[in-house]
Amino acid sequence: MQEAIDCFRKVLTIEPNSLVALINLIDCYKKVLAINPNSLTTLIKLSGALQEQGKLEEAI
C-alpha cells in the first residue's frame, strides 16, 4: 500500500497537470488493484490519504 501511495506522490510532484501524469496515475491505480483487486474501499482510502497529504503540504 505504501508503494502505491509513493507512486501517486511521485507522479503528482513531477507533472501535476499533464496527460503523462494521468497515464502514470492509471499505472498507480493498477498497482493498488494488484494489491487488493476487489477493494474499491482501498482506492477511496488512498485518494483520501493523498488529499490529506495535499492539504498538509499547502498549509506548510
Foldseek 3Di string as FASTA:
>chain_A
DVVLLVQLVVLCVPDVPDPVSVVSNVVSVVVQCVVPVPDPVSVVVSVVVVVVVVVVVVVD
